Protein backbone atom coordinates (compact mmCIF):
# COMPACT_ATOMS: atom_id res chain seq x y z
CA UNK A 1 -24.92 -34.39 -27.87
CA UNK A 2 -24.64 -30.49 -27.99
CA UNK A 3 -22.62 -28.71 -25.40
CA UNK A 4 -23.63 -25.23 -24.16
CA UNK A 5 -21.38 -22.94 -22.36
CA UNK A 6 -21.95 -19.73 -20.65
CA UNK A 7 -19.40 -17.01 -19.97
CA UNK A 8 -18.57 -16.44 -16.32
CA UNK A 9 -16.86 -13.37 -15.05
CA UNK A 10 -15.25 -13.67 -11.53
CA UNK A 11 -13.96 -10.94 -9.42
CA UNK A 12 -10.98 -11.78 -7.16
CA UNK A 13 -9.15 -9.83 -4.65
CA UNK A 14 -5.36 -9.96 -3.82
CA UNK A 15 -3.95 -8.64 -0.62
CA UNK A 16 -1.54 -5.87 -1.37
CA UNK A 17 -0.48 -4.56 2.02
CA UNK A 18 -1.28 -4.71 5.74
CA UNK A 19 -1.42 -1.67 7.98
CA UNK A 20 -0.33 -1.59 11.68
CA UNK A 21 -3.34 -0.28 13.61
CA UNK A 22 -1.12 1.48 16.16
CA UNK A 23 1.68 3.33 14.09
CA UNK A 24 -0.35 3.17 10.76
CA UNK A 25 2.70 2.05 8.81
CA UNK A 26 1.76 0.01 5.63
CA UNK A 27 3.61 -3.27 4.99
CA UNK A 28 3.64 -4.24 1.35
CA UNK A 29 3.33 -7.95 0.64
CA UNK A 30 6.05 -8.06 -1.93
CA UNK A 31 8.58 -5.94 0.06
CA UNK A 32 8.00 -6.67 3.74
CA UNK A 33 7.17 -10.34 3.89
CA UNK A 34 9.23 -10.98 6.91
CA UNK A 35 7.88 -8.00 8.82
CA UNK A 36 4.38 -9.25 7.99
CA UNK A 37 5.14 -12.71 9.28
CA UNK A 38 6.17 -11.05 12.64
CA UNK A 39 2.97 -9.06 12.90
CA UNK A 40 0.41 -9.92 15.73
CA UNK A 41 -3.29 -10.10 14.81
CA UNK A 42 -5.80 -9.99 17.78
CA UNK A 43 -9.46 -10.90 17.25
CA UNK A 44 -11.96 -11.35 20.00
CA UNK A 45 -15.75 -11.92 20.06
CA UNK A 46 -17.32 -10.28 23.13
CA UNK A 47 -19.59 -12.51 25.11
CA UNK A 48 -22.48 -11.73 27.62
CA UNK A 49 -21.46 -8.82 29.89
CA UNK A 50 -18.31 -8.08 27.87
CA UNK A 51 -16.68 -4.71 28.10
CA UNK A 52 -16.65 -4.67 24.27
CA UNK A 53 -20.40 -5.51 23.90
CA UNK A 54 -22.25 -8.80 23.73
CA UNK A 55 -21.57 -10.34 20.22
CA UNK A 56 -19.17 -7.49 19.25
CA UNK A 57 -16.09 -8.60 17.30
CA UNK A 58 -12.99 -6.49 17.94
CA UNK A 59 -9.72 -6.97 16.03
CA UNK A 60 -6.43 -5.21 15.50
CA UNK A 61 -3.06 -5.80 13.65
CA UNK A 62 0.23 -4.68 15.24
CA UNK A 63 3.66 -4.59 13.65
CA UNK A 64 6.55 -6.19 15.65
CA UNK A 65 7.76 -2.79 16.96
CA UNK A 66 4.49 -1.68 18.26
CA UNK A 67 3.75 -5.20 19.65
CA UNK A 68 6.95 -5.10 21.56
CA UNK A 69 6.18 -1.52 22.88
CA UNK A 70 2.60 -2.29 23.85
CA UNK A 71 2.83 -5.87 25.07
CA UNK A 72 6.65 -6.64 25.43
CA UNK A 73 6.47 -6.59 29.32
CA UNK A 74 3.48 -8.81 29.49
CA UNK A 75 4.37 -11.51 26.82
CA UNK A 76 5.83 -14.85 27.77
CA UNK A 77 8.68 -15.60 25.43
CA UNK A 78 10.36 -18.95 24.83
CA UNK A 79 12.56 -20.32 21.95
CA UNK A 80 10.89 -22.96 20.07
CA UNK A 81 12.64 -24.88 17.26
């Protein structure tokens, strides 16, 4: 039996940082792992009659500081262990 091999080149991407869509601060994956874990990501797909548009996806990333400033008064908070 003869085996034949072909060379395959794969391109991969690695996340290097996440930016807050409010304050625009960049959080490096290697240096700010705890801040990144505390970020809030919002993603919504508009339905029929949506203010955003039917079938339109909207999304945003907020750091903890901006999340607290923007949503702090509206969030329900509870300690969960």
